[in-house]
Every structure is written in C-alpha cells, then in structure tokens.
Amino acid sequence: MRRRLLVTVLAIQLCVLMGGLEAFAAGAPTNYTVNIPYAEPYYPPRNGQLEVMWQFNVPSGHKVIAISVQLYNPDYYYFCGYKIVVDGVVVRNGLVRPSKTITVTWIGEAWSSVIIGRYAHQYTWYGALGINSGTLSNISYAADQATAEAAKASADAAKTEAINAKNAADTAATIAANAKASADAAKTSADTAAARVWDSVESKSAATLAKEARDKANQALTEILNVKVSIGPLILKVSGRNNATCTRATSFDVVIQASGATEFRVKADTGSWSEWVPVGSVATATGIIGSGAHTVYVEARNAAGAMATGQMTVFKI
C-alpha cells in the first residue's frame, strides 16, 4: 500500500530561453522562469517503469538551458530511483537514500520536453520519492560578438547594394529617355523628308533625306538596345522566405527582388549552387554546416545571359 507523505511546497524553476529564432540571431534573448507546483512523494510501481512526477513541454522557438531540482525520499528503510529525461534522452539517473534530500542539476539544451520521474530500485526494495524544491540556474544565451558584427556588416552591405542599384536604375532611365528623344527627332526628320521632293537648303532629294532620317532612327534604336544590354539585371533585395534570418536545418529558402532578371540561383558558403528558378519563386541553399554565421550567394541573369550577383548572411543555430 502506498503511503502519502506531506512535504513542503515545491517550486521548480527552469531557465527557459524565450523568443523566436530572429532573437537568437540578433543576440538579444530573454530569460524566463517556469514555476511548477510541488510534487508530493509516492511509492513508484514495482515493475521498474518510470513514473512521471513532473513534465514540461518546451514551446516552439524556446529552449530550456538549466535545471536544478531537490528530490526527497521520506522512507526510513529503502532507496528510490530517479531519472531526468531531456528530449527523450536520460541525462540524470541515480538513487536517493532513505530519509535523504539531494539536489540534482543539469545544464544543456532541451528543445522538446523535460521529464522528472521516479522508479523502484528493486522489485522488493523500494522507497518513496517526491520533489521538495527547485532553484533557477541563471545561465543566459546570446550571439557572440563576431556573429553580431557579421550581422551588422551584412545589413550595411545590403543597404549599399540597394543604393547602388537605385543609382544604376536612375542612370539607365536617363540614358533611355535621351535615346527616345533621339528616336523622336529622327521620326520628325523622316516625316519632314517624306513631305519634300527637293530641299533647296540641304540640296538633297526627298529619298536622300528619308534615308538619313531612317538611319538616325535605327541608330537611336540601337542605342536603346545597347543601354538595356549594358545595364543588365539588377538585384534590388536578397532575403529569406518570410524575412527569415536563421535556420536549424542544413538548408535555407531565399527570395529576391530584381530588375531585368528572369531567373536566379543560390549557394551557401559550405554548399553548392541550386538549380535556376524564376524570379518571384523560392530558391533553396543547401549544405549549411556548422553553427554561426554563413554567407548565401545569389546570381541572377536575364534572357541574354547577363549576370548580377548578391549575398546575405544566414545564422545556423
């Protein structure tokens, strides 16, 4: 028959790293504590199976980084076993002696769940176990200085590229406007020439004037085409899908905004180039290995094969 024993009120405190993945990359996570009501001691089943005294499911985007819990065996004669299971792995396994209180600590990373349980040490030799108290292990997590500086450098580079792209687009617009003005002037000359049989001032026939006007028009069109070819595509923005900056996986989805480009591809610094995909869709950089900052390179091209390049920084956590 199980004996129910009164013990002082419990407060378990876990240091849980709150905030989304973007907070990890920015180096500004926040520590929170989780308080759990006390677990009264009982005798576990005699089949050796683990009986859960308390369980915590880690919210998405968070992680538990430290546990400190005080376990109490009120039985006068028998030991009782305990286990702490983190993400399905037993990280602490031991015995609490009769009439003893012990403190068990663990420091690491738990992304899914934490279980604190008790079990019978032997079939006919077992004590009771409960949770007496808990304390916070105050360990914070933040991106290191090098990662923070890499993020700032990436943002500055993206800003510079955007400014350069805008300036190039403004220059292209000016050149195109001038070329159009030349074409309009050539058309006016052609219309005037067609209305004449002989120009006494020019001392030229209408056919000659029309040919000269046509040549000027063709030259203006050539200038317009040359402007388009010389400018080529422009990458205006490189970003993660849904503006993501971090990944836990070995891949990362990228989207771009570009002018004059029809397709693009991406490559992580530790991976290889993806297939060409249309601008406006998603390209996936693969082979992202190792925690910390990684560079994802981008190439965009137009139908003529002219290329533009860009890049962004991604954090593997």
C-alpha atoms as a PDB file:
ATOM      1  CA  MET A   1       0.000   0.000   0.000  1.00  0.00           C
ATOM      2  CA  ARG A   2       1.376   3.379  -0.954  1.00  0.00           C
ATOM      3  CA  ARG A   3       1.968   5.900   1.780  1.00  0.00           C
ATOM      4  CA  ARG A   4       1.133   9.536   1.181  1.00  0.00           C
ATOM      5  CA  LEU A   5       3.566  11.857   2.936  1.00  0.00           C
ATOM      6  CA  LEU A   6       3.302  15.609   3.364  1.00  0.00           C
ATOM      7  CA  VAL A   7       6.256  17.659   2.214  1.00  0.00           C
ATOM      8  CA  THR A   8       6.827  21.395   1.993  1.00  0.00           C
ATOM      9  CA  VAL A   9       5.502  23.231  -1.053  1.00  0.00           C
ATOM     10  CA  LEU A  10       7.683  22.859  -4.132  1.00  0.00           C
ATOM     11  CA  ALA A  11       8.820  25.444  -6.614  1.00  0.00           C
ATOM     12  CA  ILE A  12      10.725  24.109  -9.578  1.00  0.00           C
ATOM     13  CA  GLN A  13      12.386  26.770 -11.627  1.00  0.00           C
ATOM     14  CA  LEU A  14      13.678  26.231 -15.085  1.00  0.00           C
ATOM     15  CA  CYS A  15      15.670  28.711 -17.080  1.00  0.00           C
ATOM     16  CA  VAL A  16      13.810  28.795 -20.394  1.00  0.00           C
ATOM     17  CA  LEU A  17      15.204  30.779 -23.293  1.00  0.00           C
ATOM     18  CA  MET A  18      12.224  32.630 -24.750  1.00  0.00           C
ATOM     19  CA  GLY A  19      11.959  34.486 -28.057  1.00  0.00           C
ATOM     20  CA  GLY A  20      11.939  33.425 -31.735  1.00  0.00           C
ATOM     21  CA  LEU A  21      14.874  32.441 -33.909  1.00  0.00           C
ATOM     22  CA  GLU A  22      15.359  36.035 -35.015  1.00  0.00           C
ATOM     23  CA  ALA A  23      16.115  36.943 -31.384  1.00  0.00           C
ATOM     24  CA  PHE A  24      18.893  34.347 -31.332  1.00  0.00           C
ATOM     25  CA  ALA A  25      20.486  35.890 -34.413  1.00  0.00           C
ATOM     26  CA  ALA A  26      20.209  39.419 -33.016  1.00  0.00           C
ATOM     27  CA  GLY A  27      21.900  38.349 -29.784  1.00  0.00           C
ATOM     28  CA  ALA A  28      19.073  39.572 -27.535  1.00  0.00           C
ATOM     29  CA  PRO A  29      17.241  36.578 -25.996  1.00  0.00           C
ATOM     30  CA  THR A  30      15.308  36.847 -22.714  1.00  0.00           C
ATOM     31  CA  ASN A  31      15.467  34.503 -19.740  1.00  0.00           C
ATOM     32  CA  TYR A  32      12.217  33.386 -18.096  1.00  0.00           C
ATOM     33  CA  THR A  33      11.483  31.077 -15.190  1.00  0.00           C
ATOM     34  CA  VAL A  34       8.784  28.432 -15.099  1.00  0.00           C
ATOM     35  CA  ASN A  35       7.293  27.691 -11.665  1.00  0.00           C
ATOM     36  CA  ILE A  36       5.688  24.268 -11.133  1.00  0.00           C
ATOM     37  CA  PRO A  37       3.579  23.236  -8.065  1.00  0.00           C
ATOM     38  CA  TYR A  38       5.188  20.837  -5.621  1.00  0.00           C
ATOM     39  CA  ALA A  39       5.120  17.069  -6.315  1.00  0.00           C
ATOM     40  CA  GLU A  40       4.120  15.014  -3.282  1.00  0.00           C
ATOM     41  CA  PRO A  41       6.218  11.858  -2.680  1.00  0.00           C
ATOM     42  CA  TYR A  42       4.733   8.453  -3.536  1.00  0.00           C
ATOM     43  CA  TYR A  43       5.985   4.908  -3.914  1.00  0.00           C
ATOM     44  CA  PRO A  44       6.510   4.080  -7.615  1.00  0.00           C
ATOM     45  CA  PRO A  45       5.185   0.865  -9.231  1.00  0.00           C
ATOM     46  CA  ARG A  46       7.192  -2.280  -8.529  1.00  0.00           C
ATOM     47  CA  ASN A  47       7.689  -3.076 -12.211  1.00  0.00           C
ATOM     48  CA  GLY A  48      10.735  -0.830 -12.653  1.00  0.00           C
ATOM     49  CA  GLN A  49       8.882   1.519 -15.017  1.00  0.00           C
ATOM     50  CA  LEU A  50       9.488   5.259 -14.749  1.00  0.00           C
ATOM     51  CA  GLU A  51       6.622   7.166 -13.110  1.00  0.00           C
ATOM     52  CA  VAL A  52       6.438  10.823 -14.133  1.00  0.00           C
ATOM     53  CA  MET A  53       6.444  13.271 -11.216  1.00  0.00           C
ATOM     54  CA  TRP A  54       6.526  16.330 -13.485  1.00  0.00           C
ATOM     55  CA  GLN A  55       6.785  17.046 -17.213  1.00  0.00           C
ATOM     56  CA  PHE A  56       7.417  20.257 -19.165  1.00  0.00           C
ATOM     57  CA  ASN A  57       6.841  20.609 -22.927  1.00  0.00           C
ATOM     58  CA  VAL A  58       9.131  23.275 -24.376  1.00  0.00           C
ATOM     59  CA  PRO A  59       7.273  25.885 -26.519  1.00  0.00           C
ATOM     60  CA  SER A  60       8.303  26.180 -30.157  1.00  0.00           C
ATOM     61  CA  GLY A  61      11.230  28.553 -30.639  1.00  0.00           C
ATOM     62  CA  HIS A  62      12.319  28.281 -26.983  1.00  0.00           C
ATOM     63  CA  LYS A  63      14.754  26.085 -25.118  1.00  0.00           C
ATOM     64  CA  VAL A  64      15.416  25.026 -21.544  1.00  0.00           C
ATOM     65  CA  ILE A  65      19.067  25.562 -20.648  1.00  0.00           C
ATOM     66  CA  ALA A  66      19.313  24.557 -16.973  1.00  0.00           C
ATOM     67  CA  ILE A  67      17.512  22.552 -14.279  1.00  0.00           C
ATOM     68  CA  SER A  68      18.118  22.358 -10.528  1.00  0.00           C
ATOM     69  CA  VAL A  69      15.694  20.219  -8.522  1.00  0.00           C
ATOM     70  CA  GLN A  70      15.666  18.946  -4.919  1.00  0.00           C
ATOM     71  CA  LEU A  71      14.406  15.361  -4.504  1.00  0.00           C
ATOM     72  CA  TYR A  72      13.244  13.903  -1.158  1.00  0.00           C
ATOM     73  CA  ASN A  73      12.897  10.247  -0.029  1.00  0.00           C
ATOM     74  CA  PRO A  74      10.858  10.133   3.222  1.00  0.00           C
ATOM     75  CA  ASP A  75      11.081   6.346   3.605  1.00  0.00           C
ATOM     76  CA  TYR A  76      13.136   5.209   6.632  1.00  0.00           C
ATOM     77  CA  TYR A  77      14.492   1.989   5.107  1.00  0.00           C
ATOM     78  CA  TYR A  78      14.553   1.883   1.318  1.00  0.00           C
ATOM     79  CA  PHE A  79      16.233   3.646  -1.613  1.00  0.00           C
ATOM     80  CA  CYS A  80      14.239   5.106  -4.514  1.00  0.00           C
ATOM     81  CA  GLY A  81      15.471   5.676  -8.077  1.00  0.00           C
ATOM     82  CA  TYR A  82      15.111   8.879 -10.105  1.00  0.00           C
ATOM     83  CA  LYS A  83      15.693   9.920 -13.727  1.00  0.00           C
ATOM     84  CA  ILE A  84      15.724  13.209 -15.636  1.00  0.00           C
ATOM     85  CA  VAL A  85      14.865  12.723 -19.317  1.00  0.00           C
ATOM     86  CA  VAL A  86      15.571  15.546 -21.806  1.00  0.00           C
ATOM     87  CA  ASP A  87      14.212  15.298 -25.366  1.00  0.00           C
ATOM     88  CA  GLY A  88      13.816  11.535 -24.884  1.00  0.00           C
ATOM     89  CA  VAL A  89      17.372  11.003 -23.566  1.00  0.00           C
ATOM     90  CA  VAL A  90      18.164  10.101 -19.932  1.00  0.00           C
ATOM     91  CA  VAL A  91      20.622  12.760 -18.704  1.00  0.00           C
ATOM     92  CA  ARG A  92      20.484  12.006 -14.966  1.00  0.00           C
ATOM     93  CA  ASN A  93      19.905   8.586 -13.322  1.00  0.00           C
ATOM     94  CA  GLY A  94      20.520   7.813  -9.645  1.00  0.00           C
ATOM     95  CA  LEU A  95      19.260   6.794  -6.212  1.00  0.00           C
ATOM     96  CA  VAL A  96      18.043   8.770  -3.197  1.00  0.00           C
ATOM     97  CA  ARG A  97      18.966   7.143   0.105  1.00  0.00           C
ATOM     98  CA  PRO A  98      16.356   6.607   2.879  1.00  0.00           C
ATOM     99  CA  SER A  99      15.302   9.795   4.705  1.00  0.00           C
ATOM    100  CA  LYS A 100      17.586  11.883   2.482  1.00  0.00           C
ATOM    101  CA  THR A 101      17.225  15.004   0.357  1.00  0.00           C
ATOM    102  CA  ILE A 102      19.504  15.569  -2.644  1.00  0.00           C
ATOM    103  CA  THR A 103      19.851  18.310  -5.262  1.00  0.00           C
ATOM    104  CA  VAL A 104      20.199  17.230  -8.897  1.00  0.00           C
ATOM    105  CA  THR A 105      21.339  19.730 -11.552  1.00  0.00           C
ATOM    106  CA  TRP A 106      21.669  19.628 -15.310  1.00  0.00           C
ATOM    107  CA  ILE A 107      22.920  22.200 -17.841  1.00  0.00           C
ATOM    108  CA  GLY A 108      22.426  21.742 -21.563  1.00  0.00           C
ATOM    109  CA  GLU A 109      19.775  22.362 -24.231  1.00  0.00           C
ATOM    110  CA  ALA A 110      16.234  20.969 -24.273  1.00  0.00           C
ATOM    111  CA  TRP A 111      14.135  21.844 -27.344  1.00  0.00           C
ATOM    112  CA  SER A 112      11.222  19.402 -26.872  1.00  0.00           C
ATOM    113  CA  SER A 113      10.487  18.134 -23.360  1.00  0.00           C
ATOM    114  CA  VAL A 114      11.804  17.612 -19.816  1.00  0.00           C
ATOM    115  CA  ILE A 115      10.612  14.737 -17.591  1.00  0.00           C
ATOM    116  CA  ILE A 116      11.478  14.166 -13.904  1.00  0.00           C
ATOM    117  CA  GLY A 117      10.416  10.694 -12.757  1.00  0.00           C
ATOM    118  CA  ARG A 118      10.831   8.033 -10.062  1.00  0.00           C
ATOM    119  CA  TYR A 119      11.143   4.257 -10.258  1.00  0.00           C
ATOM    120  CA  ALA A 120      11.544   1.258  -7.936  1.00  0.00           C
ATOM    121  CA  HIS A 121      15.207   0.391  -7.413  1.00  0.00           C
ATOM    122  CA  GLN A 122      14.409  -3.311  -6.937  1.00  0.00           C
ATOM    123  CA  TYR A 123      11.252  -5.392  -7.023  1.00  0.00           C
ATOM    124  CA  THR A 124      11.051  -5.822  -3.249  1.00  0.00           C
ATOM    125  CA  TRP A 125      13.316  -2.974  -2.175  1.00  0.00           C
ATOM    126  CA  TYR A 126      11.995   0.471  -2.954  1.00  0.00           C
ATOM    127  CA  GLY A 127      11.287   3.784  -1.265  1.00  0.00           C
ATOM    128  CA  ALA A 128       9.110   6.803  -1.975  1.00  0.00           C
ATOM    129  CA  LEU A 129      10.178   9.946  -3.835  1.00  0.00           C
ATOM    130  CA  GLY A 130       8.879  13.472  -4.266  1.00  0.00           C
ATOM    131  CA  ILE A 131      10.091  16.892  -5.383  1.00  0.00           C
ATOM    132  CA  ASN A 132      10.871  19.139  -2.458  1.00  0.00           C
ATOM    133  CA  SER A 133      12.092  22.379  -4.025  1.00  0.00           C
ATOM    134  CA  GLY A 134      13.795  23.823  -7.068  1.00  0.00           C
ATOM    135  CA  THR A 135      16.083  26.713  -7.899  1.00  0.00           C
ATOM    136  CA  LEU A 136      16.924  28.681 -11.028  1.00  0.00           C
ATOM    137  CA  SER A 137      20.246  28.071 -12.779  1.00  0.00           C
ATOM    138  CA  ASN A 138      20.751  31.557 -14.217  1.00  0.00           C
ATOM    139  CA  ILE A 139      22.560  30.885 -17.482  1.00  0.00           C
ATOM    140  CA  SER A 140      21.889  33.247 -20.385  1.00  0.00           C
ATOM    141  CA  TYR A 141      22.337  32.665 -24.112  1.00  0.00           C
ATOM    142  CA  ALA A 142      23.316  35.281 -26.701  1.00  0.00           C
ATOM    143  CA  ALA A 143      25.076  35.504 -30.032  1.00  0.00           C
ATOM    144  CA  ASP A 144      28.810  36.131 -29.663  1.00  0.00           C
ATOM    145  CA  GLN A 145      30.448  39.396 -30.728  1.00  0.00           C
ATOM    146  CA  ALA A 146      31.698  38.005 -34.034  1.00  0.00           C
ATOM    147  CA  THR A 147      28.193  36.870 -35.003  1.00  0.00           C
ATOM    148  CA  ALA A 148      26.684  40.229 -34.068  1.00  0.00           C
ATOM    149  CA  GLU A 149      29.317  42.094 -36.103  1.00  0.00           C
ATOM    150  CA  ALA A 150      28.723  39.791 -39.065  1.00  0.00           C
ATOM    151  CA  ALA A 151      25.001  40.567 -38.922  1.00  0.00           C
ATOM    152  CA  LYS A 152      25.683  44.320 -38.898  1.00  0.00           C
ATOM    153  CA  ALA A 153      28.154  44.025 -41.791  1.00  0.00           C
ATOM    154  CA  SER A 154      25.601  42.075 -43.802  1.00  0.00           C
ATOM    155  CA  ALA A 155      22.946  44.735 -43.186  1.00  0.00           C
ATOM    156  CA  ASP A 156      25.352  47.535 -44.192  1.00  0.00           C
ATOM    157  CA  ALA A 157      26.335  45.678 -47.368  1.00  0.00           C
ATOM    158  CA  ALA A 158      22.685  45.129 -48.294  1.00  0.00           C
ATOM    159  CA  LYS A 159      21.981  48.840 -47.801  1.00  0.00           C
ATOM    160  CA  THR A 160      24.939  49.809 -50.029  1.00  0.00           C
ATOM    161  CA  GLU A 161      23.841  47.384 -52.744  1.00  0.00           C
ATOM    162  CA  ALA A 162      20.322  48.817 -52.681  1.00  0.00           C
ATOM    163  CA  ILE A 163      21.666  52.384 -53.051  1.00  0.00           C
ATOM    164  CA  ASN A 164      23.934  51.339 -55.941  1.00  0.00           C
ATOM    165  CA  ALA A 165      21.058  49.531 -57.636  1.00  0.00           C
ATOM    166  CA  LYS A 166      18.835  52.619 -57.377  1.00  0.00           C
ATOM    167  CA  ASN A 167      21.589  54.865 -58.800  1.00  0.00           C
ATOM    168  CA  ALA A 168      22.153  52.470 -61.699  1.00  0.00           C
ATOM    169  CA  ALA A 169      18.426  52.356 -62.394  1.00  0.00           C
ATOM    170  CA  ASP A 170      18.235  56.181 -62.379  1.00  0.00           C
ATOM    171  CA  THR A 171      21.174  56.369 -64.817  1.00  0.00           C
ATOM    172  CA  ALA A 172      19.554  53.791 -67.087  1.00  0.00           C
ATOM    173  CA  ALA A 173      16.306  55.754 -67.091  1.00  0.00           C
ATOM    174  CA  THR A 174      18.150  58.951 -68.096  1.00  0.00           C
ATOM    175  CA  ILE A 175      20.004  57.205 -70.943  1.00  0.00           C
ATOM    176  CA  ALA A 176      16.809  55.586 -72.176  1.00  0.00           C
ATOM    177  CA  ALA A 177      14.993  58.946 -72.120  1.00  0.00           C
ATOM    178  CA  ASN A 178      17.778  60.544 -74.188  1.00  0.00           C
ATOM    179  CA  ALA A 179      17.670  57.669 -76.660  1.00  0.00           C
ATOM    180  CA  LYS A 180      13.903  58.053 -77.004  1.00  0.00           C
ATOM    181  CA  ALA A 181      14.323  61.775 -77.649  1.00  0.00           C
ATOM    182  CA  SER A 182      16.795  60.952 -80.454  1.00  0.00           C
ATOM    183  CA  ALA A 183      14.322  58.484 -81.933  1.00  0.00           C
ATOM    184  CA  ASP A 184      11.512  61.063 -81.801  1.00  0.00           C
ATOM    185  CA  ALA A 185      13.737  63.623 -83.543  1.00  0.00           C
ATOM    186  CA  ALA A 186      14.646  61.078 -86.213  1.00  0.00           C
ATOM    187  CA  LYS A 187      10.975  60.312 -86.835  1.00  0.00           C
ATOM    188  CA  THR A 188      10.207  64.026 -87.186  1.00  0.00           C
ATOM    189  CA  SER A 189      13.011  64.337 -89.742  1.00  0.00           C
ATOM    190  CA  ALA A 190      11.645  61.354 -91.643  1.00  0.00           C
ATOM    191  CA  ASP A 191       8.146  62.846 -91.720  1.00  0.00           C
ATOM    192  CA  THR A 192       9.553  66.165 -92.951  1.00  0.00           C
ATOM    193  CA  ALA A 193      11.655  64.458 -95.601  1.00  0.00           C
ATOM    194  CA  ALA A 194       8.726  62.476 -96.877  1.00  0.00           C
ATOM    195  CA  ALA A 195       6.797  65.715 -97.456  1.00  0.00           C
ATOM    196  CA  ARG A 196       9.547  67.152 -99.638  1.00  0.00           C
ATOM    197  CA  VAL A 197      10.570  66.397-103.175  1.00  0.00           C
ATOM    198  CA  TRP A 198      13.724  68.519-103.066  1.00  0.00           C
ATOM    199  CA  ASP A 199      15.275  70.522-100.234  1.00  0.00           C
ATOM    200  CA  SER A 200      16.939  73.595-101.705  1.00  0.00           C
ATOM    201  CA  VAL A 201      18.675  74.410 -98.422  1.00  0.00           C
ATOM    202  CA  GLU A 202      20.027  70.871 -97.977  1.00  0.00           C
ATOM    203  CA  SER A 203      20.423  70.372-101.732  1.00  0.00           C
ATOM    204  CA  LYS A 204      19.154  66.804-101.216  1.00  0.00           C
ATOM    205  CA  SER A 205      16.299  64.807-102.617  1.00  0.00           C
ATOM    206  CA  ALA A 206      13.420  63.553-100.511  1.00  0.00           C
ATOM    207  CA  ALA A 207      14.719  59.988-100.844  1.00  0.00           C
ATOM    208  CA  THR A 208      18.130  61.009 -99.510  1.00  0.00           C
ATOM    209  CA  LEU A 209      16.630  62.897 -96.578  1.00  0.00           C
ATOM    210  CA  ALA A 210      14.325  59.949 -95.803  1.00  0.00           C
ATOM    211  CA  LYS A 211      17.258  57.528 -95.823  1.00  0.00           C
ATOM    212  CA  GLU A 212      19.259  59.767 -93.467  1.00  0.00           C
ATOM    213  CA  ALA A 213      16.287  60.039 -91.148  1.00  0.00           C
ATOM    214  CA  ARG A 214      15.806  56.255 -91.212  1.00  0.00           C
ATOM    215  CA  ASP A 215      19.491  55.735 -90.417  1.00  0.00           C
ATOM    216  CA  LYS A 216      19.219  58.095 -87.438  1.00  0.00           C
ATOM    217  CA  ALA A 217      16.143  56.260 -86.208  1.00  0.00           C
ATOM    218  CA  ASN A 218      17.928  52.909 -86.472  1.00  0.00           C
ATOM    219  CA  GLN A 219      20.914  54.363 -84.621  1.00  0.00           C
ATOM    220  CA  ALA A 220      18.626  55.584 -81.830  1.00  0.00           C
ATOM    221  CA  LEU A 221      17.029  52.137 -81.522  1.00  0.00           C
ATOM    222  CA  THR A 222      20.491  50.559 -81.387  1.00  0.00           C
ATOM    223  CA  GLU A 223      21.426  52.935 -78.553  1.00  0.00           C
ATOM    224  CA  ILE A 224      18.321  51.888 -76.627  1.00  0.00           C
ATOM    225  CA  LEU A 225      19.185  48.204 -77.051  1.00  0.00           C
ATOM    226  CA  ASN A 226      22.790  48.866 -76.047  1.00  0.00           C
ATOM    227  CA  VAL A 227      21.566  50.592 -72.881  1.00  0.00           C
ATOM    228  CA  LYS A 228      19.485  47.568 -71.949  1.00  0.00           C
ATOM    229  CA  VAL A 229      22.376  45.158 -72.587  1.00  0.00           C
ATOM    230  CA  SER A 230      24.988  47.295 -70.792  1.00  0.00           C
ATOM    231  CA  ILE A 231      22.862  47.698 -67.695  1.00  0.00           C
ATOM    232  CA  GLY A 232      21.903  44.035 -67.429  1.00  0.00           C
ATOM    233  CA  PRO A 233      19.870  42.719 -64.490  1.00  0.00           C
ATOM    234  CA  LEU A 234      19.952  44.398 -61.064  1.00  0.00           C
ATOM    235  CA  ILE A 235      19.409  42.611 -57.736  1.00  0.00           C
ATOM    236  CA  LEU A 236      17.464  45.036 -55.549  1.00  0.00           C
ATOM    237  CA  LYS A 237      16.960  42.846 -52.461  1.00  0.00           C
ATOM    238  CA  VAL A 238      18.003  39.417 -51.126  1.00  0.00           C
ATOM    239  CA  SER A 239      16.127  37.935 -48.154  1.00  0.00           C
ATOM    240  CA  GLY A 240      14.980  34.694 -46.566  1.00  0.00           C
ATOM    241  CA  ARG A 241      11.475  33.477 -47.224  1.00  0.00           C
ATOM    242  CA  ASN A 242       9.116  35.328 -44.855  1.00  0.00           C
ATOM    243  CA  ASN A 243      12.143  37.542 -43.967  1.00  0.00           C
ATOM    244  CA  ALA A 244      13.821  34.686 -42.055  1.00  0.00           C
ATOM    245  CA  THR A 245      17.479  35.143 -40.999  1.00  0.00           C
ATOM    246  CA  CYS A 246      18.116  31.834 -39.177  1.00  0.00           C
ATOM    247  CA  THR A 247      17.779  28.105 -39.712  1.00  0.00           C
ATOM    248  CA  ARG A 248      18.160  24.999 -37.583  1.00  0.00           C
ATOM    249  CA  ALA A 249      18.347  22.818 -40.703  1.00  0.00           C
ATOM    250  CA  THR A 250      21.106  22.463 -43.320  1.00  0.00           C
ATOM    251  CA  SER A 251      19.041  24.396 -45.884  1.00  0.00           C
ATOM    252  CA  PHE A 252      17.620  27.930 -46.220  1.00  0.00           C
ATOM    253  CA  ASP A 253      14.948  29.322 -48.596  1.00  0.00           C
ATOM    254  CA  VAL A 254      15.826  32.562 -50.435  1.00  0.00           C
ATOM    255  CA  VAL A 255      13.753  35.077 -52.413  1.00  0.00           C
ATOM    256  CA  ILE A 256      14.966  38.131 -54.337  1.00  0.00           C
ATOM    257  CA  GLN A 257      13.686  41.330 -55.866  1.00  0.00           C
ATOM    258  CA  ALA A 258      15.420  42.109 -59.167  1.00  0.00           C
ATOM    259  CA  SER A 259      15.097  44.390 -62.188  1.00  0.00           C
ATOM    260  CA  GLY A 260      15.697  42.999 -65.664  1.00  0.00           C
ATOM    261  CA  ALA A 261      16.312  39.425 -64.445  1.00  0.00           C
ATOM    262  CA  THR A 262      14.305  36.346 -65.410  1.00  0.00           C
ATOM    263  CA  GLU A 263      15.805  33.686 -63.123  1.00  0.00           C
ATOM    264  CA  PHE A 264      18.224  33.223 -60.218  1.00  0.00           C
ATOM    265  CA  ARG A 265      20.059  30.616 -58.179  1.00  0.00           C
ATOM    266  CA  VAL A 266      21.680  30.461 -54.705  1.00  0.00           C
ATOM    267  CA  LYS A 267      24.637  28.801 -52.964  1.00  0.00           C
ATOM    268  CA  ALA A 268      25.646  28.540 -49.279  1.00  0.00           C
ATOM    269  CA  ASP A 269      29.316  29.038 -48.432  1.00  0.00           C
ATOM    270  CA  THR A 270      29.507  25.360 -47.441  1.00  0.00           C
ATOM    271  CA  GLY A 271      27.199  24.069 -50.176  1.00  0.00           C
ATOM    272  CA  SER A 272      26.789  24.050 -53.961  1.00  0.00           C
ATOM    273  CA  TRP A 273      24.698  26.059 -56.457  1.00  0.00           C
ATOM    274  CA  SER A 274      20.979  25.351 -56.644  1.00  0.00           C
ATOM    275  CA  GLU A 275      19.027  24.984 -59.895  1.00  0.00           C
ATOM    276  CA  TRP A 276      17.984  28.179 -61.739  1.00  0.00           C
ATOM    277  CA  VAL A 277      14.452  29.204 -60.732  1.00  0.00           C
ATOM    278  CA  PRO A 278      12.226  32.052 -61.982  1.00  0.00           C
ATOM    279  CA  VAL A 279      12.452  35.409 -60.205  1.00  0.00           C
ATOM    280  CA  GLY A 280       9.475  35.609 -57.860  1.00  0.00           C
ATOM    281  CA  SER A 281       9.794  31.993 -56.732  1.00  0.00           C
ATOM    282  CA  VAL A 282      11.934  30.407 -53.974  1.00  0.00           C
ATOM    283  CA  ALA A 283      15.464  29.002 -54.337  1.00  0.00           C
ATOM    284  CA  THR A 284      16.895  26.742 -51.617  1.00  0.00           C
ATOM    285  CA  ALA A 285      20.520  26.935 -50.448  1.00  0.00           C
ATOM    286  CA  THR A 286      21.672  23.530 -49.144  1.00  0.00           C
ATOM    287  CA  GLY A 287      24.708  22.136 -47.349  1.00  0.00           C
ATOM    288  CA  ILE A 288      24.736  24.680 -44.480  1.00  0.00           C
ATOM    289  CA  ILE A 289      27.104  23.007 -41.997  1.00  0.00           C
ATOM    290  CA  GLY A 290      28.284  24.317 -38.615  1.00  0.00           C
ATOM    291  CA  SER A 291      26.686  26.777 -36.203  1.00  0.00           C
ATOM    292  CA  GLY A 292      27.088  30.548 -36.555  1.00  0.00           C
ATOM    293  CA  ALA A 293      27.103  32.963 -39.485  1.00  0.00           C
ATOM    294  CA  HIS A 294      27.050  31.661 -43.076  1.00  0.00           C
ATOM    295  CA  THR A 295      27.049  33.574 -46.377  1.00  0.00           C
ATOM    296  CA  VAL A 296      24.471  32.724 -49.038  1.00  0.00           C
ATOM    297  CA  TYR A 297      25.487  33.896 -52.539  1.00  0.00           C
ATOM    298  CA  VAL A 298      22.981  34.807 -55.262  1.00  0.00           C
ATOM    299  CA  GLU A 299      23.307  35.006 -59.067  1.00  0.00           C
ATOM    300  CA  ALA A 300      20.557  36.470 -61.276  1.00  0.00           C
ATOM    301  CA  ARG A 301      20.504  36.583 -65.092  1.00  0.00           C
ATOM    302  CA  ASN A 302      18.367  37.825 -67.961  1.00  0.00           C
ATOM    303  CA  ALA A 303      17.397  36.132 -71.209  1.00  0.00           C
ATOM    304  CA  ALA A 304      20.616  37.387 -72.868  1.00  0.00           C
ATOM    305  CA  GLY A 305      22.742  35.750 -70.150  1.00  0.00           C
ATOM    306  CA  ALA A 306      23.866  38.981 -68.448  1.00  0.00           C
ATOM    307  CA  MET A 307      24.532  38.340 -64.754  1.00  0.00           C
ATOM    308  CA  ALA A 308      24.132  40.178 -61.441  1.00  0.00           C
ATOM    309  CA  THR A 309      25.308  38.967 -58.022  1.00  0.00           C
ATOM    310  CA  GLY A 310      24.301  39.498 -54.403  1.00  0.00           C
ATOM    311  CA  GLN A 311      24.566  37.853 -50.994  1.00  0.00           C
ATOM    312  CA  MET A 312      23.148  37.728 -47.460  1.00  0.00           C
ATOM    313  CA  THR A 313      24.182  36.350 -44.063  1.00  0.00           C
ATOM    314  CA  VAL A 314      22.279  33.431 -42.514  1.00  0.00           C
ATOM    315  CA  PHE A 315      22.703  32.074 -38.980  1.00  0.00           C
ATOM    316  CA  LYS A 316      22.758  28.319 -38.288  1.00  0.00           C
ATOM    317  CA  ILE A 317      21.618  27.621 -34.722  1.00  0.00           C
END
